[in-house]
Amino acid sequence: MSNADIRGRFVWHELMTTDIKAAGAFYPKFTSWKTQSWDKDPSYTMWAGAKGAFGGVRTLPDTARAAHWLPYIGTP
């Protein structure tokens, strides 16, 4: 994929939550998402679909009050 193809597109979606295991069990119940560990850091859980990984789940920092999604937008 060239830089022009990703400019302005959502390229990664990351959920920050206090319970990664529960999120990994909840979302696949009504989506086609699967979870997989990242080979470079097995503690990081990635969301994967038919075309491969498209996001991840990470632990919510202690300073945050509620779980939230972080969208990443592509730039060149």
C-alpha atoms as a PDB file:
ATOM      1  CA  MET A   1       0.000   0.000   0.000  1.00  0.00           C
ATOM      2  CA  SER A   2       1.489   3.349  -0.974  1.00  0.00           C
ATOM      3  CA  ASN A   3       1.442   6.419   1.280  1.00  0.00           C
ATOM      4  CA  ALA A   4      -1.191   7.995  -0.981  1.00  0.00           C
ATOM      5  CA  ASP A   5      -3.484   5.005  -0.334  1.00  0.00           C
ATOM      6  CA  ILE A   6      -3.435   5.495   3.443  1.00  0.00           C
ATOM      7  CA  ARG A   7      -3.579   9.302   3.637  1.00  0.00           C
ATOM      8  CA  GLY A   8      -6.648  10.283   5.647  1.00  0.00           C
ATOM      9  CA  ARG A   9      -7.826   6.692   6.180  1.00  0.00           C
ATOM     10  CA  PHE A  10      -8.293   4.950   9.480  1.00  0.00           C
ATOM     11  CA  VAL A  11      -5.409   2.477   9.564  1.00  0.00           C
ATOM     12  CA  TRP A  12      -5.454   1.114  13.138  1.00  0.00           C
ATOM     13  CA  HIS A  13      -8.051   0.957  15.907  1.00  0.00           C
ATOM     14  CA  GLU A  14      -6.933   0.489  19.475  1.00  0.00           C
ATOM     15  CA  LEU A  15      -9.092  -0.179  22.504  1.00  0.00           C
ATOM     16  CA  MET A  16      -7.756   0.850  25.899  1.00  0.00           C
ATOM     17  CA  THR A  17      -9.502  -1.057  28.691  1.00  0.00           C
ATOM     18  CA  THR A  18      -8.973  -2.350  32.204  1.00  0.00           C
ATOM     19  CA  ASP A  19      -9.947  -5.888  31.167  1.00  0.00           C
ATOM     20  CA  ILE A  20      -8.258  -7.054  27.956  1.00  0.00           C
ATOM     21  CA  LYS A  21      -9.438 -10.640  28.396  1.00  0.00           C
ATOM     22  CA  ALA A  22     -13.107  -9.582  28.699  1.00  0.00           C
ATOM     23  CA  ALA A  23     -12.836  -7.310  25.634  1.00  0.00           C
ATOM     24  CA  GLY A  24     -11.288 -10.170  23.668  1.00  0.00           C
ATOM     25  CA  ALA A  25     -14.251 -12.368  24.584  1.00  0.00           C
ATOM     26  CA  PHE A  26     -16.951  -9.690  24.100  1.00  0.00           C
ATOM     27  CA  TYR A  27     -16.319  -8.208  20.637  1.00  0.00           C
ATOM     28  CA  PRO A  28     -16.014 -11.489  18.683  1.00  0.00           C
ATOM     29  CA  LYS A  29     -19.538 -12.393  19.864  1.00  0.00           C
ATOM     30  CA  PHE A  30     -21.057  -9.904  17.396  1.00  0.00           C
ATOM     31  CA  THR A  31     -18.238  -9.201  14.931  1.00  0.00           C
ATOM     32  CA  SER A  32     -16.030 -11.392  12.770  1.00  0.00           C
ATOM     33  CA  TRP A  33     -12.982 -10.225  14.735  1.00  0.00           C
ATOM     34  CA  LYS A  34     -10.490 -12.625  16.222  1.00  0.00           C
ATOM     35  CA  THR A  35      -7.716 -11.885  18.690  1.00  0.00           C
ATOM     36  CA  GLN A  36      -4.062 -12.783  18.359  1.00  0.00           C
ATOM     37  CA  SER A  37      -0.908 -11.908  20.231  1.00  0.00           C
ATOM     38  CA  TRP A  38       1.711  -9.791  18.570  1.00  0.00           C
ATOM     39  CA  ASP A  39       4.881 -11.802  17.897  1.00  0.00           C
ATOM     40  CA  LYS A  40       7.088  -8.858  18.965  1.00  0.00           C
ATOM     41  CA  ASP A  41       5.269  -8.415  22.282  1.00  0.00           C
ATOM     42  CA  PRO A  42       3.052 -11.340  23.373  1.00  0.00           C
ATOM     43  CA  SER A  43       1.421  -9.131  26.035  1.00  0.00           C
ATOM     44  CA  TYR A  44      -0.160  -6.990  23.260  1.00  0.00           C
ATOM     45  CA  THR A  45      -3.410  -8.358  21.832  1.00  0.00           C
ATOM     46  CA  MET A  46      -4.340  -7.511  18.242  1.00  0.00           C
ATOM     47  CA  TRP A  47      -7.720  -7.526  16.516  1.00  0.00           C
ATOM     48  CA  ALA A  48      -7.633  -9.478  13.273  1.00  0.00           C
ATOM     49  CA  GLY A  49     -10.131  -9.821  10.436  1.00  0.00           C
ATOM     50  CA  ALA A  50     -10.181 -11.586   7.099  1.00  0.00           C
ATOM     51  CA  LYS A  51      -7.479  -9.239   5.725  1.00  0.00           C
ATOM     52  CA  GLY A  52      -5.224  -9.425   8.785  1.00  0.00           C
ATOM     53  CA  ALA A  53      -4.584  -7.293  11.860  1.00  0.00           C
ATOM     54  CA  PHE A  54      -6.341  -3.931  12.000  1.00  0.00           C
ATOM     55  CA  GLY A  55      -6.111  -2.898  15.633  1.00  0.00           C
ATOM     56  CA  GLY A  56      -5.255  -3.864  19.142  1.00  0.00           C
ATOM     57  CA  VAL A  57      -6.193  -3.898  22.790  1.00  0.00           C
ATOM     58  CA  ARG A  58      -3.991  -2.433  25.478  1.00  0.00           C
ATOM     59  CA  THR A  59      -4.269  -1.813  29.187  1.00  0.00           C
ATOM     60  CA  LEU A  60      -5.934   1.426  30.203  1.00  0.00           C
ATOM     61  CA  PRO A  61      -3.503   3.656  32.128  1.00  0.00           C
ATOM     62  CA  ASP A  62      -4.268   4.165  35.820  1.00  0.00           C
ATOM     63  CA  THR A  63      -4.787   7.887  35.172  1.00  0.00           C
ATOM     64  CA  ALA A  64      -7.649   7.259  32.727  1.00  0.00           C
ATOM     65  CA  ARG A  65     -11.207   6.992  33.967  1.00  0.00           C
ATOM     66  CA  ALA A  66     -12.996   4.981  31.280  1.00  0.00           C
ATOM     67  CA  ALA A  67     -12.209   2.608  28.449  1.00  0.00           C
ATOM     68  CA  HIS A  68     -11.927   4.260  25.052  1.00  0.00           C
ATOM     69  CA  TRP A  69     -11.032   3.668  21.429  1.00  0.00           C
ATOM     70  CA  LEU A  70      -8.064   5.368  19.766  1.00  0.00           C
ATOM     71  CA  PRO A  71      -8.309   5.666  15.991  1.00  0.00           C
ATOM     72  CA  TYR A  72      -5.079   6.081  14.027  1.00  0.00           C
ATOM     73  CA  ILE A  73      -5.244   7.941  10.713  1.00  0.00           C
ATOM     74  CA  GLY A  74      -2.676   7.344   7.969  1.00  0.00           C
ATOM     75  CA  THR A  75      -0.241  10.025   6.819  1.00  0.00           C
ATOM     76  CA  PRO A  76       2.640   9.850   4.351  1.00  0.00           C
END
